[in-house]
Structure formats: C-alpha cells, structure tokens
C-alpha cells in the first residue's frame, strides 16, 4: 500500500516530498504536482517526458506469474532474502525499526513479498516500468508500495531513504542507487551467468547470456558503489515440464524474439520433462 511508503517517495519532476490526497486517490507534491493512484493501487511517477522504454507485456507478466508461483526459482529468492537480512544486521541498520527495501524491476512482487515476510516490520517499494506488472505488484503484499517508473530516467525516491536495494535480472542505475541508499545500506544484485538455461538454448532458439555481465556491472558502478566481499555463485538444477518451460521463455526477453506459435511448436518437440540449469551470481554493493 502506498501509504506505507509515502514518506520515502518523491516528485519525479523536482524531487519534492509527496503526500496523499483525496483518500489517497492522488499523490500531491509540495510543489503542486499531482499523480493519480490507479484503482489497482499503483502510481505512475514519471517526469514530463513520460516512460521511455517498453516493459513486460500482459502475456509476459502472466508467464512470470505461472513460472515463479511453482517455486522453480526458490533458491534464488531464498538467497536474496538471506542477504537482505545480512545487510540489515549490521551498524545503525540494526536499530532501524522500519527498514525500507526497494526492488528495482520488481515485476509481480514475487521476490519482494518473500523478503518482506522475512524482515520484521519492513516495508517495500517495488518499481517497474510495466503497468501490467504493477497491477500484480500492488496486490503482492500489504506493505508494498507499487510505483511505475523508468529506472534509467531516475528513481522517484528521497535521498538516502532506502536501506536495501534488490535487483533481480533487472536494469540498474548505479548513480541513482547511490543517491537513494542510506549511508550503511546495500545493493544486492542477481545477474544471470553463462550456463543459465543452457539446455533450452539450442532446441528453442532462445537468447544466450552475454559474457562479462558482472564485470560490466562493476564498471558501471565505479565511483558510485563498491563491492562488499566476493560474488556468490548460485547454481541449481530444475526439473521442468513443457508448461513450465513455455512459461520460463514467455517471461524472458526471448519472448519478444520468438513468435508464440513457433515457441509452442518447439516446446512440443521437447521431452515431457527436462533438467534445466539455473545459474546466477549475487553481488553485494555499498556506497563508494
């Protein structure tokens, strides 16, 4: 719910504070800008230029819900949550009775809601560029505030207002992360690695994982964020049936490059179940 996080949100035009108006049907800034809250509970906080990128389509969001709800990525979500707990267990953050967790590219809220369940008295801000995702995100947890925004254009949050930022297979903006992160906060990034879903690449013709993704993350973060310890490789097998495989591809960038009918034909040629590898690196960062 947006009222849980209103004090950390900011006007995307000038960064001024926001408050609820007309029973939280609008958010209004101290400088007079107004943003309507959708009936589903999310708010779009974009500057006058609007949103510059295309997010997940309704079909991609439905695929994401179908795949994640079956728990195939459970080791990813459990590890991310454990590292959030680690990040909140040191320094002044121990005394923060109401820690704020921001997830960038939050999608339907699968990861963020799991984390909020594990962190007592926490509240979450989920940011995604896709309205279809935000509709699910707003209902994912009672302490989530769902915001439609473009991370590349900026985050509509107050300076130093967030204790932990999580980014799971999603876009990054290190300068903005450093701005909104508290002095003792951390950014937790999960990045796919070569080998992720490799068993599906050839039979389905899906996109591969580029080499050097973590190196580029660290290069982009230089001057804003710096690593906390060594990276952590997370790798595990998944036993997927054809429906799960179709949903996995349907939620990924490959969905934009393969016609649904072509994907269905290729999936039909697969065995009834397959063992597929999930592989990603978790990187922890703090303010430089």
C-alpha atoms as a PDB file:
ATOM      1  CA  UNK A   1       0.000   0.000   0.000  1.00  0.00           C
ATOM      2  CA  UNK A   2       1.339   3.410  -0.960  1.00  0.00           C
ATOM      3  CA  UNK A   3       0.565   4.992   2.405  1.00  0.00           C
ATOM      4  CA  UNK A   4       3.202   2.726   3.990  1.00  0.00           C
ATOM      5  CA  UNK A   5       5.974   4.289   1.866  1.00  0.00           C
ATOM      6  CA  UNK A   6       4.717   7.809   1.138  1.00  0.00           C
ATOM      7  CA  UNK A   7       7.485   9.394   3.220  1.00  0.00           C
ATOM      8  CA  UNK A   8      10.241   7.927   1.000  1.00  0.00           C
ATOM      9  CA  UNK A   9       8.638   8.738  -2.363  1.00  0.00           C
ATOM     10  CA  UNK A  10       9.493  11.905  -4.275  1.00  0.00           C
ATOM     11  CA  UNK A  11       8.087  14.002  -7.081  1.00  0.00           C
ATOM     12  CA  UNK A  12       9.855  12.765 -10.253  1.00  0.00           C
ATOM     13  CA  UNK A  13       9.947  16.271 -11.666  1.00  0.00           C
ATOM     14  CA  UNK A  14      11.718  18.119  -8.861  1.00  0.00           C
ATOM     15  CA  UNK A  15      12.327  15.616  -6.034  1.00  0.00           C
ATOM     16  CA  UNK A  16       9.992  17.332  -3.586  1.00  0.00           C
ATOM     17  CA  UNK A  17       8.064  15.385  -0.962  1.00  0.00           C
ATOM     18  CA  UNK A  18       4.724  13.716  -1.690  1.00  0.00           C
ATOM     19  CA  UNK A  19       1.616  13.259   0.416  1.00  0.00           C
ATOM     20  CA  UNK A  20      -1.712  11.524  -0.107  1.00  0.00           C
ATOM     21  CA  UNK A  21      -4.800  13.499  -1.103  1.00  0.00           C
ATOM     22  CA  UNK A  22      -8.486  12.691  -1.557  1.00  0.00           C
ATOM     23  CA  UNK A  23      -8.229   9.471   0.485  1.00  0.00           C
ATOM     24  CA  UNK A  24      -5.022   8.525  -1.316  1.00  0.00           C
ATOM     25  CA  UNK A  25      -6.615   8.605  -4.750  1.00  0.00           C
ATOM     26  CA  UNK A  26      -3.844  11.070  -5.652  1.00  0.00           C
ATOM     27  CA  UNK A  27      -0.313  11.821  -4.561  1.00  0.00           C
ATOM     28  CA  UNK A  28       0.459  15.534  -4.426  1.00  0.00           C
ATOM     29  CA  UNK A  29       3.886  17.122  -4.114  1.00  0.00           C
ATOM     30  CA  UNK A  30       4.736  20.153  -2.016  1.00  0.00           C
ATOM     31  CA  UNK A  31       5.387  21.994  -5.304  1.00  0.00           C
ATOM     32  CA  UNK A  32       1.882  21.305  -6.596  1.00  0.00           C
ATOM     33  CA  UNK A  33       2.277  18.363  -8.962  1.00  0.00           C
ATOM     34  CA  UNK A  34      -0.407  15.677  -8.792  1.00  0.00           C
ATOM     35  CA  UNK A  35      -0.250  11.971  -9.663  1.00  0.00           C
ATOM     36  CA  UNK A  36      -3.349   9.784  -9.824  1.00  0.00           C
ATOM     37  CA  UNK A  37      -3.325   6.456  -7.980  1.00  0.00           C
ATOM     38  CA  UNK A  38      -4.782   3.735 -10.202  1.00  0.00           C
ATOM     39  CA  UNK A  39      -7.736   1.766  -8.877  1.00  0.00           C
ATOM     40  CA  UNK A  40      -5.445  -1.284  -8.686  1.00  0.00           C
ATOM     41  CA  UNK A  41      -3.279   0.583  -6.154  1.00  0.00           C
ATOM     42  CA  UNK A  42      -0.159   1.609  -8.069  1.00  0.00           C
ATOM     43  CA  UNK A  43       1.010   5.091  -9.050  1.00  0.00           C
ATOM     44  CA  UNK A  44       2.938   6.229 -12.112  1.00  0.00           C
ATOM     45  CA  UNK A  45       5.714   8.627 -11.120  1.00  0.00           C
ATOM     46  CA  UNK A  46       7.333   9.776 -14.355  1.00  0.00           C
ATOM     47  CA  UNK A  47       8.650  13.168 -15.347  1.00  0.00           C
ATOM     48  CA  UNK A  48       7.017  15.209 -18.077  1.00  0.00           C
ATOM     49  CA  UNK A  49       8.922  13.187 -20.685  1.00  0.00           C
ATOM     50  CA  UNK A  50       6.987  10.071 -19.656  1.00  0.00           C
ATOM     51  CA  UNK A  51       8.229   6.477 -19.873  1.00  0.00           C
ATOM     52  CA  UNK A  52      10.886   5.873 -22.490  1.00  0.00           C
ATOM     53  CA  UNK A  53      11.082   2.078 -22.511  1.00  0.00           C
ATOM     54  CA  UNK A  54       8.705  -0.805 -23.032  1.00  0.00           C
ATOM     55  CA  UNK A  55       8.195  -3.157 -20.113  1.00  0.00           C
ATOM     56  CA  UNK A  56       6.728  -6.631 -19.935  1.00  0.00           C
ATOM     57  CA  UNK A  57       3.515  -7.232 -21.852  1.00  0.00           C
ATOM     58  CA  UNK A  58       0.443  -8.754 -20.145  1.00  0.00           C
ATOM     59  CA  UNK A  59       1.384 -12.124 -21.675  1.00  0.00           C
ATOM     60  CA  UNK A  60       4.921 -11.893 -20.269  1.00  0.00           C
ATOM     61  CA  UNK A  61       3.577 -10.974 -16.839  1.00  0.00           C
ATOM     62  CA  UNK A  62       1.186 -13.936 -16.925  1.00  0.00           C
ATOM     63  CA  UNK A  63       4.080 -16.236 -17.838  1.00  0.00           C
ATOM     64  CA  UNK A  64       6.135 -14.813 -14.975  1.00  0.00           C
ATOM     65  CA  UNK A  65       3.337 -15.463 -12.505  1.00  0.00           C
ATOM     66  CA  UNK A  66       2.875 -19.007 -13.814  1.00  0.00           C
ATOM     67  CA  UNK A  67       6.566 -19.898 -13.611  1.00  0.00           C
ATOM     68  CA  UNK A  68       7.520 -18.269 -10.317  1.00  0.00           C
ATOM     69  CA  UNK A  69       4.407 -19.463  -8.476  1.00  0.00           C
ATOM     70  CA  UNK A  70       5.570 -23.056  -8.931  1.00  0.00           C
ATOM     71  CA  UNK A  71       8.725 -22.360  -6.922  1.00  0.00           C
ATOM     72  CA  UNK A  72      11.287 -23.202  -9.606  1.00  0.00           C
ATOM     73  CA  UNK A  73      13.450 -20.200  -8.651  1.00  0.00           C
ATOM     74  CA  UNK A  74      13.071 -20.737  -4.889  1.00  0.00           C
ATOM     75  CA  UNK A  75      16.861 -20.948  -4.277  1.00  0.00           C
ATOM     76  CA  UNK A  76      17.244 -17.511  -5.875  1.00  0.00           C
ATOM     77  CA  UNK A  77      14.539 -15.864  -3.792  1.00  0.00           C
ATOM     78  CA  UNK A  78      15.705 -17.532  -0.572  1.00  0.00           C
ATOM     79  CA  UNK A  79      19.311 -16.424  -1.087  1.00  0.00           C
ATOM     80  CA  UNK A  80      18.310 -12.846  -1.932  1.00  0.00           C
ATOM     81  CA  UNK A  81      16.190 -12.691   1.223  1.00  0.00           C
ATOM     82  CA  UNK A  82      19.025 -14.108   3.342  1.00  0.00           C
ATOM     83  CA  UNK A  83      21.406 -11.451   2.015  1.00  0.00           C
ATOM     84  CA  UNK A  84      18.881  -8.703   2.733  1.00  0.00           C
ATOM     85  CA  UNK A  85      18.730  -9.969   6.316  1.00  0.00           C
ATOM     86  CA  UNK A  86      22.538  -9.957   6.405  1.00  0.00           C
ATOM     87  CA  UNK A  87      22.639  -6.369   5.132  1.00  0.00           C
ATOM     88  CA  UNK A  88      20.189  -5.230   7.798  1.00  0.00           C
ATOM     89  CA  UNK A  89      22.042  -6.950  10.642  1.00  0.00           C
ATOM     90  CA  UNK A  90      24.962  -4.541  10.999  1.00  0.00           C
ATOM     91  CA  UNK A  91      25.656  -1.000  12.121  1.00  0.00           C
ATOM     92  CA  UNK A  92      22.874   1.552  12.569  1.00  0.00           C
ATOM     93  CA  UNK A  93      20.517  -0.570  10.483  1.00  0.00           C
ATOM     94  CA  UNK A  94      20.097  -2.917  13.459  1.00  0.00           C
ATOM     95  CA  UNK A  95      18.234  -0.125  15.220  1.00  0.00           C
ATOM     96  CA  UNK A  96      16.029   0.746  12.242  1.00  0.00           C
ATOM     97  CA  UNK A  97      12.610  -0.373  13.430  1.00  0.00           C
ATOM     98  CA  UNK A  98      11.083   0.098   9.993  1.00  0.00           C
ATOM     99  CA  UNK A  99      13.627  -0.895   7.312  1.00  0.00           C
ATOM    100  CA  UNK A 100      12.792   0.041   3.740  1.00  0.00           C
ATOM    101  CA  UNK A 101      13.555  -2.368   0.904  1.00  0.00           C
ATOM    102  CA  UNK A 102      13.440  -1.169  -2.699  1.00  0.00           C
ATOM    103  CA  UNK A 103      13.232  -3.669  -5.538  1.00  0.00           C
ATOM    104  CA  UNK A 104      14.017  -2.286  -8.988  1.00  0.00           C
ATOM    105  CA  UNK A 105      12.348  -4.197 -11.819  1.00  0.00           C
ATOM    106  CA  UNK A 106      10.101  -5.781  -9.213  1.00  0.00           C
ATOM    107  CA  UNK A 107       7.749  -7.415 -11.704  1.00  0.00           C
ATOM    108  CA  UNK A 108       4.841  -9.092  -9.955  1.00  0.00           C
ATOM    109  CA  UNK A 109       6.397  -8.773  -6.487  1.00  0.00           C
ATOM    110  CA  UNK A 110       7.395 -12.432  -6.049  1.00  0.00           C
ATOM    111  CA  UNK A 111      10.837 -11.676  -4.615  1.00  0.00           C
ATOM    112  CA  UNK A 112       9.917  -8.533  -2.692  1.00  0.00           C
ATOM    113  CA  UNK A 113       6.915 -10.063  -0.929  1.00  0.00           C
ATOM    114  CA  UNK A 114       9.036 -13.026   0.197  1.00  0.00           C
ATOM    115  CA  UNK A 115      11.637 -10.634   1.622  1.00  0.00           C
ATOM    116  CA  UNK A 116       9.054  -8.526   3.442  1.00  0.00           C
ATOM    117  CA  UNK A 117       7.621 -11.651   5.053  1.00  0.00           C
ATOM    118  CA  UNK A 118      11.091 -12.478   6.397  1.00  0.00           C
ATOM    119  CA  UNK A 119      12.070  -8.992   7.618  1.00  0.00           C
ATOM    120  CA  UNK A 120      10.065  -7.921  10.649  1.00  0.00           C
ATOM    121  CA  UNK A 121       8.357  -4.521  10.393  1.00  0.00           C
ATOM    122  CA  UNK A 122       9.822  -3.932   6.940  1.00  0.00           C
ATOM    123  CA  UNK A 123       8.133  -2.086   4.114  1.00  0.00           C
ATOM    124  CA  UNK A 124       8.838  -2.297   0.411  1.00  0.00           C
ATOM    125  CA  UNK A 125       8.843  -0.084  -2.645  1.00  0.00           C
ATOM    126  CA  UNK A 126       8.525  -2.006  -5.883  1.00  0.00           C
ATOM    127  CA  UNK A 127       9.457  -0.111  -9.051  1.00  0.00           C
ATOM    128  CA  UNK A 128       8.729  -1.444 -12.535  1.00  0.00           C
ATOM    129  CA  UNK A 129       8.242   0.209 -15.891  1.00  0.00           C
ATOM    130  CA  UNK A 130       5.407  -2.151 -16.903  1.00  0.00           C
ATOM    131  CA  UNK A 131       1.845  -1.260 -15.916  1.00  0.00           C
ATOM    132  CA  UNK A 132       0.666  -4.908 -16.263  1.00  0.00           C
ATOM    133  CA  UNK A 133       3.336  -5.903 -13.716  1.00  0.00           C
ATOM    134  CA  UNK A 134       2.454  -3.031 -11.368  1.00  0.00           C
ATOM    135  CA  UNK A 135      -1.155  -4.226 -11.176  1.00  0.00           C
ATOM    136  CA  UNK A 136       0.081  -7.505  -9.688  1.00  0.00           C
ATOM    137  CA  UNK A 137       2.821  -5.830  -7.663  1.00  0.00           C
ATOM    138  CA  UNK A 138       0.364  -3.583  -5.834  1.00  0.00           C
ATOM    139  CA  UNK A 139      -1.505  -6.648  -4.547  1.00  0.00           C
ATOM    140  CA  UNK A 140       1.546  -8.799  -3.794  1.00  0.00           C
ATOM    141  CA  UNK A 141       1.922  -7.771  -0.145  1.00  0.00           C
ATOM    142  CA  UNK A 142       0.125  -5.402   2.253  1.00  0.00           C
ATOM    143  CA  UNK A 143       3.367  -3.491   2.938  1.00  0.00           C
ATOM    144  CA  UNK A 144       4.364  -2.954  -0.719  1.00  0.00           C
ATOM    145  CA  UNK A 145       4.012   0.363  -2.468  1.00  0.00           C
ATOM    146  CA  UNK A 146       3.898  -0.173  -6.256  1.00  0.00           C
ATOM    147  CA  UNK A 147       5.390   2.510  -8.498  1.00  0.00           C
ATOM    148  CA  UNK A 148       5.611   2.668 -12.286  1.00  0.00           C
ATOM    149  CA  UNK A 149       8.825   4.455 -13.211  1.00  0.00           C
ATOM    150  CA  UNK A 150      11.840   4.219 -15.506  1.00  0.00           C
ATOM    151  CA  UNK A 151      14.985   3.426 -13.507  1.00  0.00           C
ATOM    152  CA  UNK A 152      17.168   4.788 -16.310  1.00  0.00           C
ATOM    153  CA  UNK A 153      15.415   8.158 -16.091  1.00  0.00           C
ATOM    154  CA  UNK A 154      15.674   8.263 -12.286  1.00  0.00           C
ATOM    155  CA  UNK A 155      14.079   6.885  -9.136  1.00  0.00           C
ATOM    156  CA  UNK A 156      11.195   8.877  -7.604  1.00  0.00           C
ATOM    157  CA  UNK A 157      12.543   8.454  -4.082  1.00  0.00           C
ATOM    158  CA  UNK A 158      14.071  10.742  -1.473  1.00  0.00           C
ATOM    159  CA  UNK A 159      17.835  10.904  -0.955  1.00  0.00           C
ATOM    160  CA  UNK A 160      19.194   8.245   1.461  1.00  0.00           C
ATOM    161  CA  UNK A 161      15.682   6.875   2.037  1.00  0.00           C
ATOM    162  CA  UNK A 162      16.263   3.163   1.341  1.00  0.00           C
ATOM    163  CA  UNK A 163      18.098   0.597   3.483  1.00  0.00           C
ATOM    164  CA  UNK A 164      18.466  -2.175   0.900  1.00  0.00           C
ATOM    165  CA  UNK A 165      18.013  -2.230  -2.880  1.00  0.00           C
ATOM    166  CA  UNK A 166      17.474  -5.545  -4.656  1.00  0.00           C
ATOM    167  CA  UNK A 167      17.842  -6.021  -8.409  1.00  0.00           C
ATOM    168  CA  UNK A 168      16.991  -9.463  -9.792  1.00  0.00           C
ATOM    169  CA  UNK A 169      17.703  -9.868 -13.509  1.00  0.00           C
ATOM    170  CA  UNK A 170      16.665  -6.236 -13.952  1.00  0.00           C
ATOM    171  CA  UNK A 171      18.077  -2.856 -15.123  1.00  0.00           C
ATOM    172  CA  UNK A 172      20.488  -0.876 -12.953  1.00  0.00           C
ATOM    173  CA  UNK A 173      21.274   2.798 -12.409  1.00  0.00           C
ATOM    174  CA  UNK A 174      24.277   2.980 -10.028  1.00  0.00           C
ATOM    175  CA  UNK A 175      24.184   6.774  -9.685  1.00  0.00           C
ATOM    176  CA  UNK A 176      20.561   6.697  -8.590  1.00  0.00           C
ATOM    177  CA  UNK A 177      21.140   3.696  -6.339  1.00  0.00           C
ATOM    178  CA  UNK A 178      23.911   5.578  -4.535  1.00  0.00           C
ATOM    179  CA  UNK A 179      21.669   8.636  -4.166  1.00  0.00           C
ATOM    180  CA  UNK A 180      18.684   6.869  -2.577  1.00  0.00           C
ATOM    181  CA  UNK A 181      20.680   4.355  -0.499  1.00  0.00           C
ATOM    182  CA  UNK A 182      21.253   5.065   3.185  1.00  0.00           C
ATOM    183  CA  UNK A 183      24.817   5.525   4.392  1.00  0.00           C
ATOM    184  CA  UNK A 184      25.029   1.956   5.709  1.00  0.00           C
ATOM    185  CA  UNK A 185      22.751   0.368   3.115  1.00  0.00           C
ATOM    186  CA  UNK A 186      23.487  -2.255   0.491  1.00  0.00           C
ATOM    187  CA  UNK A 187      22.542  -3.035  -3.091  1.00  0.00           C
ATOM    188  CA  UNK A 188      22.006  -6.747  -3.789  1.00  0.00           C
ATOM    189  CA  UNK A 189      22.149  -7.657  -7.473  1.00  0.00           C
ATOM    190  CA  UNK A 190      21.396 -11.056  -9.009  1.00  0.00           C
ATOM    191  CA  UNK A 191      22.879 -11.389 -12.502  1.00  0.00           C
ATOM    192  CA  UNK A 192      22.384 -14.375 -14.840  1.00  0.00           C
ATOM    193  CA  UNK A 193      25.588 -16.166 -15.764  1.00  0.00           C
ATOM    194  CA  UNK A 194      26.660 -18.189 -18.768  1.00  0.00           C
ATOM    195  CA  UNK A 195      25.168 -21.651 -18.391  1.00  0.00           C
ATOM    196  CA  UNK A 196      21.793 -20.307 -17.210  1.00  0.00           C
ATOM    197  CA  UNK A 197      19.051 -22.273 -19.032  1.00  0.00           C
ATOM    198  CA  UNK A 198      21.647 -23.621 -21.479  1.00  0.00           C
ATOM    199  CA  UNK A 199      19.757 -26.863 -22.039  1.00  0.00           C
ATOM    200  CA  UNK A 200      16.972 -24.836 -23.701  1.00  0.00           C
ATOM    201  CA  UNK A 201      19.069 -22.607 -25.947  1.00  0.00           C
ATOM    202  CA  UNK A 202      19.560 -24.878 -28.943  1.00  0.00           C
ATOM    203  CA  UNK A 203      16.174 -26.650 -29.087  1.00  0.00           C
ATOM    204  CA  UNK A 204      14.191 -23.435 -28.563  1.00  0.00           C
ATOM    205  CA  UNK A 205      16.486 -20.849 -30.164  1.00  0.00           C
ATOM    206  CA  UNK A 206      16.359 -18.543 -27.161  1.00  0.00           C
ATOM    207  CA  UNK A 207      18.834 -15.787 -26.359  1.00  0.00           C
ATOM    208  CA  UNK A 208      22.056 -16.645 -24.556  1.00  0.00           C
ATOM    209  CA  UNK A 209      23.601 -14.896 -21.562  1.00  0.00           C
ATOM    210  CA  UNK A 210      26.309 -12.425 -22.557  1.00  0.00           C
ATOM    211  CA  UNK A 211      29.759 -12.969 -21.122  1.00  0.00           C
ATOM    212  CA  UNK A 212      31.145 -10.456 -18.619  1.00  0.00           C
ATOM    213  CA  UNK A 213      27.838  -9.167 -17.216  1.00  0.00           C
ATOM    214  CA  UNK A 214      29.159  -8.859 -13.667  1.00  0.00           C
ATOM    215  CA  UNK A 215      32.329  -7.116 -14.875  1.00  0.00           C
ATOM    216  CA  UNK A 216      30.172  -4.542 -16.652  1.00  0.00           C
ATOM    217  CA  UNK A 217      28.075  -4.114 -13.519  1.00  0.00           C
ATOM    218  CA  UNK A 218      31.184  -3.269 -11.501  1.00  0.00           C
ATOM    219  CA  UNK A 219      32.499  -0.940 -14.216  1.00  0.00           C
ATOM    220  CA  UNK A 220      29.205   0.949 -14.330  1.00  0.00           C
ATOM    221  CA  UNK A 221      29.104   1.163 -10.537  1.00  0.00           C
ATOM    222  CA  UNK A 222      32.634   2.585 -10.208  1.00  0.00           C
ATOM    223  CA  UNK A 223      32.593   5.870  -8.324  1.00  0.00           C
ATOM    224  CA  UNK A 224      29.074   5.263  -7.000  1.00  0.00           C
ATOM    225  CA  UNK A 225      29.112   1.792  -5.465  1.00  0.00           C
ATOM    226  CA  UNK A 226      31.793  -0.688  -4.459  1.00  0.00           C
ATOM    227  CA  UNK A 227      31.672  -4.455  -3.822  1.00  0.00           C
ATOM    228  CA  UNK A 228      31.057  -5.914  -0.374  1.00  0.00           C
ATOM    229  CA  UNK A 229      33.055  -9.148  -0.265  1.00  0.00           C
ATOM    230  CA  UNK A 230      33.262 -11.625  -3.126  1.00  0.00           C
ATOM    231  CA  UNK A 231      30.483 -12.532  -5.517  1.00  0.00           C
ATOM    232  CA  UNK A 232      28.383 -15.598  -4.756  1.00  0.00           C
ATOM    233  CA  UNK A 233      27.552 -18.107  -7.494  1.00  0.00           C
ATOM    234  CA  UNK A 234      24.110 -19.700  -7.161  1.00  0.00           C
ATOM    235  CA  UNK A 235      23.566 -22.760  -9.344  1.00  0.00           C
ATOM    236  CA  UNK A 236      20.925 -25.482  -9.111  1.00  0.00           C
ATOM    237  CA  UNK A 237      19.025 -27.932 -11.333  1.00  0.00           C
ATOM    238  CA  UNK A 238      15.315 -27.566 -12.080  1.00  0.00           C
ATOM    239  CA  UNK A 239      13.028 -30.339 -13.304  1.00  0.00           C
ATOM    240  CA  UNK A 240      10.691 -28.552 -15.719  1.00  0.00           C
ATOM    241  CA  UNK A 241       7.739 -29.855 -17.686  1.00  0.00           C
ATOM    242  CA  UNK A 242       6.722 -28.363 -21.006  1.00  0.00           C
ATOM    243  CA  UNK A 243       4.293 -25.872 -19.450  1.00  0.00           C
ATOM    244  CA  UNK A 244       6.993 -24.588 -17.110  1.00  0.00           C
ATOM    245  CA  UNK A 245       9.484 -24.304 -19.974  1.00  0.00           C
ATOM    246  CA  UNK A 246       6.984 -22.356 -22.079  1.00  0.00           C
ATOM    247  CA  UNK A 247       6.291 -20.044 -19.126  1.00  0.00           C
ATOM    248  CA  UNK A 248      10.010 -19.530 -18.472  1.00  0.00           C
ATOM    249  CA  UNK A 249      10.682 -18.496 -22.057  1.00  0.00           C
ATOM    250  CA  UNK A 250       7.478 -16.461 -22.113  1.00  0.00           C
ATOM    251  CA  UNK A 251       8.649 -14.308 -19.206  1.00  0.00           C
ATOM    252  CA  UNK A 252      12.115 -13.682 -20.659  1.00  0.00           C
ATOM    253  CA  UNK A 253      13.442 -11.251 -23.300  1.00  0.00           C
ATOM    254  CA  UNK A 254      13.342 -14.168 -25.758  1.00  0.00           C
ATOM    255  CA  UNK A 255       9.552 -13.821 -25.762  1.00  0.00           C
ATOM    256  CA  UNK A 256       9.985 -10.667 -27.861  1.00  0.00           C
ATOM    257  CA  UNK A 257      12.034 -12.547 -30.475  1.00  0.00           C
ATOM    258  CA  UNK A 258      10.073 -15.782 -30.957  1.00  0.00           C
ATOM    259  CA  UNK A 259       6.521 -15.920 -32.269  1.00  0.00           C
ATOM    260  CA  UNK A 260       4.218 -17.689 -29.778  1.00  0.00           C
ATOM    261  CA  UNK A 261       3.185 -20.268 -32.387  1.00  0.00           C
ATOM    262  CA  UNK A 262       6.836 -21.037 -33.188  1.00  0.00           C
ATOM    263  CA  UNK A 263       7.684 -21.373 -29.499  1.00  0.00           C
ATOM    264  CA  UNK A 264       4.726 -23.712 -28.956  1.00  0.00           C
ATOM    265  CA  UNK A 265       5.869 -25.938 -31.822  1.00  0.00           C
ATOM    266  CA  UNK A 266       9.420 -26.117 -30.464  1.00  0.00           C
ATOM    267  CA  UNK A 267       8.282 -26.817 -26.892  1.00  0.00           C
ATOM    268  CA  UNK A 268       6.043 -29.632 -28.164  1.00  0.00           C
ATOM    269  CA  UNK A 269       9.133 -31.365 -29.553  1.00  0.00           C
ATOM    270  CA  UNK A 270      10.839 -31.455 -26.140  1.00  0.00           C
ATOM    271  CA  UNK A 271      10.658 -34.408 -23.723  1.00  0.00           C
ATOM    272  CA  UNK A 272       7.792 -34.296 -21.219  1.00  0.00           C
ATOM    273  CA  UNK A 273      10.245 -33.129 -18.550  1.00  0.00           C
ATOM    274  CA  UNK A 274      13.805 -31.828 -18.702  1.00  0.00           C
ATOM    275  CA  UNK A 275      16.502 -30.998 -16.186  1.00  0.00           C
ATOM    276  CA  UNK A 276      17.490 -27.388 -16.731  1.00  0.00           C
ATOM    277  CA  UNK A 277      20.274 -25.448 -15.013  1.00  0.00           C
ATOM    278  CA  UNK A 278      19.652 -22.150 -13.215  1.00  0.00           C
ATOM    279  CA  UNK A 279      22.844 -20.137 -12.741  1.00  0.00           C
ATOM    280  CA  UNK A 280      23.401 -16.583 -11.490  1.00  0.00           C
ATOM    281  CA  UNK A 281      25.834 -14.519  -9.447  1.00  0.00           C
ATOM    282  CA  UNK A 282      24.825 -12.491  -6.423  1.00  0.00           C
ATOM    283  CA  UNK A 283      26.806  -9.279  -5.929  1.00  0.00           C
ATOM    284  CA  UNK A 284      26.604  -7.067  -2.839  1.00  0.00           C
ATOM    285  CA  UNK A 285      27.499  -3.369  -3.107  1.00  0.00           C
ATOM    286  CA  UNK A 286      27.668  -0.410  -0.767  1.00  0.00           C
ATOM    287  CA  UNK A 287      28.105   3.309  -1.353  1.00  0.00           C
ATOM    288  CA  UNK A 288      31.584   4.195  -2.579  1.00  0.00           C
END
